[in-house]
């Protein structure tokens, strides 16, 4: 298994064990690939749920630019909901898992079919 495959297995376990979600493995793989090299960097591979700058980056770079959503209060609510589901006490919120949950929340899985 490649390092990326190992990470995908870890992300799937997080979705199942910490979030109570049975992941679509094909979509999870596409989301992970979409994160690019950031998944291999300790700092950029995770999202800090308490850092406003980090959450703004998720909103602007992922929800608005990648998923094509319009800026609204709904985006902030969705991010907060994902952080709550992942667990506020969980310090290691993997970026790929957060992006997966946001993509499914907004029904934007088709973005990854391109």
C-alpha atoms as a PDB file:
ATOM      1  CA  UNK A   1       0.000   0.000   0.000  1.00  0.00           C
ATOM      2  CA  UNK A   2       1.139   3.507  -0.757  1.00  0.00           C
ATOM      3  CA  UNK A   3       1.331   6.202   1.874  1.00  0.00           C
ATOM      4  CA  UNK A   4      -1.796   7.802   0.360  1.00  0.00           C
ATOM      5  CA  UNK A   5      -3.693   4.500   0.607  1.00  0.00           C
ATOM      6  CA  UNK A   6      -2.670   4.237   4.263  1.00  0.00           C
ATOM      7  CA  UNK A   7      -4.002   7.746   4.885  1.00  0.00           C
ATOM      8  CA  UNK A   8      -7.294   6.943   3.134  1.00  0.00           C
ATOM      9  CA  UNK A   9      -7.736   3.941   5.462  1.00  0.00           C
ATOM     10  CA  UNK A  10      -7.032   6.238   8.436  1.00  0.00           C
ATOM     11  CA  UNK A  11      -9.558   8.815   7.159  1.00  0.00           C
ATOM     12  CA  UNK A  12     -12.208   6.120   6.646  1.00  0.00           C
ATOM     13  CA  UNK A  13     -11.661   4.954  10.226  1.00  0.00           C
ATOM     14  CA  UNK A  14     -12.100   8.534  11.473  1.00  0.00           C
ATOM     15  CA  UNK A  15     -15.342   8.917   9.531  1.00  0.00           C
ATOM     16  CA  UNK A  16     -16.686   5.651  10.902  1.00  0.00           C
ATOM     17  CA  UNK A  17     -15.392   5.752  14.480  1.00  0.00           C
ATOM     18  CA  UNK A  18     -15.422   9.470  15.308  1.00  0.00           C
ATOM     19  CA  UNK A  19     -18.211  10.757  13.078  1.00  0.00           C
ATOM     20  CA  UNK A  20     -20.535   7.757  12.777  1.00  0.00           C
ATOM     21  CA  UNK A  21     -20.435   7.930   8.964  1.00  0.00           C
ATOM     22  CA  UNK A  22     -19.889   4.967   6.666  1.00  0.00           C
ATOM     23  CA  UNK A  23     -17.771   6.529   3.913  1.00  0.00           C
ATOM     24  CA  UNK A  24     -18.109   6.129   0.172  1.00  0.00           C
ATOM     25  CA  UNK A  25     -14.540   4.939  -0.358  1.00  0.00           C
ATOM     26  CA  UNK A  26     -14.415   6.057  -3.989  1.00  0.00           C
ATOM     27  CA  UNK A  27     -15.443   9.590  -3.033  1.00  0.00           C
ATOM     28  CA  UNK A  28     -13.075   9.629  -0.050  1.00  0.00           C
ATOM     29  CA  UNK A  29     -10.200   8.651  -2.343  1.00  0.00           C
ATOM     30  CA  UNK A  30     -11.093  11.445  -4.787  1.00  0.00           C
ATOM     31  CA  UNK A  31     -11.366  14.018  -1.995  1.00  0.00           C
ATOM     32  CA  UNK A  32      -8.008  12.883  -0.596  1.00  0.00           C
ATOM     33  CA  UNK A  33      -6.362  13.164  -4.020  1.00  0.00           C
ATOM     34  CA  UNK A  34      -7.968  16.600  -4.382  1.00  0.00           C
ATOM     35  CA  UNK A  35      -6.199  17.761  -1.216  1.00  0.00           C
ATOM     36  CA  UNK A  36      -2.902  17.290  -3.030  1.00  0.00           C
ATOM     37  CA  UNK A  37       0.395  17.202  -1.176  1.00  0.00           C
ATOM     38  CA  UNK A  38      -1.104  18.903   1.894  1.00  0.00           C
ATOM     39  CA  UNK A  39      -2.103  15.475   3.269  1.00  0.00           C
ATOM     40  CA  UNK A  40       1.572  14.612   3.781  1.00  0.00           C
ATOM     41  CA  UNK A  41       2.392  17.731   5.835  1.00  0.00           C
ATOM     42  CA  UNK A  42       1.650  17.487   9.559  1.00  0.00           C
ATOM     43  CA  UNK A  43       0.375  21.069   9.821  1.00  0.00           C
ATOM     44  CA  UNK A  44      -1.616  21.356   6.585  1.00  0.00           C
ATOM     45  CA  UNK A  45      -3.112  17.853   6.785  1.00  0.00           C
ATOM     46  CA  UNK A  46      -5.340  18.889   9.691  1.00  0.00           C
ATOM     47  CA  UNK A  47      -7.905  21.619  10.291  1.00  0.00           C
ATOM     48  CA  UNK A  48      -8.001  23.530  13.556  1.00  0.00           C
ATOM     49  CA  UNK A  49     -11.628  23.888  14.541  1.00  0.00           C
ATOM     50  CA  UNK A  50     -10.855  26.760  16.902  1.00  0.00           C
ATOM     51  CA  UNK A  51      -8.731  28.876  14.517  1.00  0.00           C
ATOM     52  CA  UNK A  52     -10.888  31.463  12.725  1.00  0.00           C
ATOM     53  CA  UNK A  53      -8.233  31.980  10.032  1.00  0.00           C
ATOM     54  CA  UNK A  54      -8.115  28.247   9.321  1.00  0.00           C
ATOM     55  CA  UNK A  55     -11.900  28.004   9.106  1.00  0.00           C
ATOM     56  CA  UNK A  56     -11.974  31.014   6.751  1.00  0.00           C
ATOM     57  CA  UNK A  57      -9.487  29.185   4.521  1.00  0.00           C
ATOM     58  CA  UNK A  58     -11.728  26.110   4.432  1.00  0.00           C
ATOM     59  CA  UNK A  59     -14.690  28.327   3.564  1.00  0.00           C
ATOM     60  CA  UNK A  60     -12.947  30.367   0.852  1.00  0.00           C
ATOM     61  CA  UNK A  61     -10.661  27.809  -0.756  1.00  0.00           C
ATOM     62  CA  UNK A  62     -12.863  24.737  -0.526  1.00  0.00           C
ATOM     63  CA  UNK A  63     -16.515  25.688  -0.248  1.00  0.00           C
ATOM     64  CA  UNK A  64     -16.457  28.793  -2.452  1.00  0.00           C
ATOM     65  CA  UNK A  65     -13.631  28.095  -4.930  1.00  0.00           C
ATOM     66  CA  UNK A  66     -13.701  24.280  -5.205  1.00  0.00           C
ATOM     67  CA  UNK A  67     -17.399  23.528  -4.655  1.00  0.00           C
ATOM     68  CA  UNK A  68     -18.616  26.756  -6.270  1.00  0.00           C
ATOM     69  CA  UNK A  69     -20.919  27.753  -3.421  1.00  0.00           C
ATOM     70  CA  UNK A  70     -21.977  31.343  -2.792  1.00  0.00           C
ATOM     71  CA  UNK A  71     -20.701  32.960   0.394  1.00  0.00           C
ATOM     72  CA  UNK A  72     -23.436  32.830   3.003  1.00  0.00           C
ATOM     73  CA  UNK A  73     -24.177  32.175   6.656  1.00  0.00           C
ATOM     74  CA  UNK A  74     -25.059  28.594   5.642  1.00  0.00           C
ATOM     75  CA  UNK A  75     -21.384  27.892   4.871  1.00  0.00           C
ATOM     76  CA  UNK A  76     -20.317  28.929   8.373  1.00  0.00           C
ATOM     77  CA  UNK A  77     -23.090  26.823   9.889  1.00  0.00           C
ATOM     78  CA  UNK A  78     -22.031  23.798   7.845  1.00  0.00           C
ATOM     79  CA  UNK A  79     -18.399  24.160   8.930  1.00  0.00           C
ATOM     80  CA  UNK A  80     -19.485  24.465  12.579  1.00  0.00           C
ATOM     81  CA  UNK A  81     -21.689  21.394  12.194  1.00  0.00           C
ATOM     82  CA  UNK A  82     -18.830  19.356  10.712  1.00  0.00           C
ATOM     83  CA  UNK A  83     -16.507  20.446  13.533  1.00  0.00           C
ATOM     84  CA  UNK A  84     -19.169  19.432  16.074  1.00  0.00           C
ATOM     85  CA  UNK A  85     -19.691  16.042  14.399  1.00  0.00           C
ATOM     86  CA  UNK A  86     -15.935  15.390  14.224  1.00  0.00           C
ATOM     87  CA  UNK A  87     -15.682  16.238  17.918  1.00  0.00           C
ATOM     88  CA  UNK A  88     -14.494  19.497  19.396  1.00  0.00           C
ATOM     89  CA  UNK A  89     -12.164  17.643  21.760  1.00  0.00           C
ATOM     90  CA  UNK A  90     -10.570  15.774  18.852  1.00  0.00           C
ATOM     91  CA  UNK A  91      -7.427  17.756  18.075  1.00  0.00           C
ATOM     92  CA  UNK A  92      -6.550  15.960  14.828  1.00  0.00           C
ATOM     93  CA  UNK A  93      -9.307  16.809  12.387  1.00  0.00           C
ATOM     94  CA  UNK A  94      -7.975  15.581   9.067  1.00  0.00           C
ATOM     95  CA  UNK A  95      -8.518  17.982   6.181  1.00  0.00           C
ATOM     96  CA  UNK A  96      -9.671  15.215   3.815  1.00  0.00           C
ATOM     97  CA  UNK A  97     -12.305  14.076   6.328  1.00  0.00           C
ATOM     98  CA  UNK A  98     -13.576  17.641   6.855  1.00  0.00           C
ATOM     99  CA  UNK A  99     -13.738  18.208   3.080  1.00  0.00           C
ATOM    100  CA  UNK A 100     -15.500  14.867   2.566  1.00  0.00           C
ATOM    101  CA  UNK A 101     -18.174  15.748   5.122  1.00  0.00           C
ATOM    102  CA  UNK A 102     -18.657  19.238   3.661  1.00  0.00           C
ATOM    103  CA  UNK A 103     -18.924  17.909   0.094  1.00  0.00           C
ATOM    104  CA  UNK A 104     -21.574  15.389   1.134  1.00  0.00           C
ATOM    105  CA  UNK A 105     -23.378  17.966   3.303  1.00  0.00           C
ATOM    106  CA  UNK A 106     -23.873  20.200   0.273  1.00  0.00           C
ATOM    107  CA  UNK A 107     -24.506  17.326  -2.159  1.00  0.00           C
ATOM    108  CA  UNK A 108     -21.469  18.291  -4.234  1.00  0.00           C
ATOM    109  CA  UNK A 109     -20.014  14.820  -4.722  1.00  0.00           C
ATOM    110  CA  UNK A 110     -20.286  15.242  -8.502  1.00  0.00           C
ATOM    111  CA  UNK A 111     -17.479  17.843  -8.374  1.00  0.00           C
ATOM    112  CA  UNK A 112     -15.115  14.900  -7.967  1.00  0.00           C
ATOM    113  CA  UNK A 113     -16.430  13.050 -11.032  1.00  0.00           C
ATOM    114  CA  UNK A 114     -14.554  15.365 -13.378  1.00  0.00           C
END
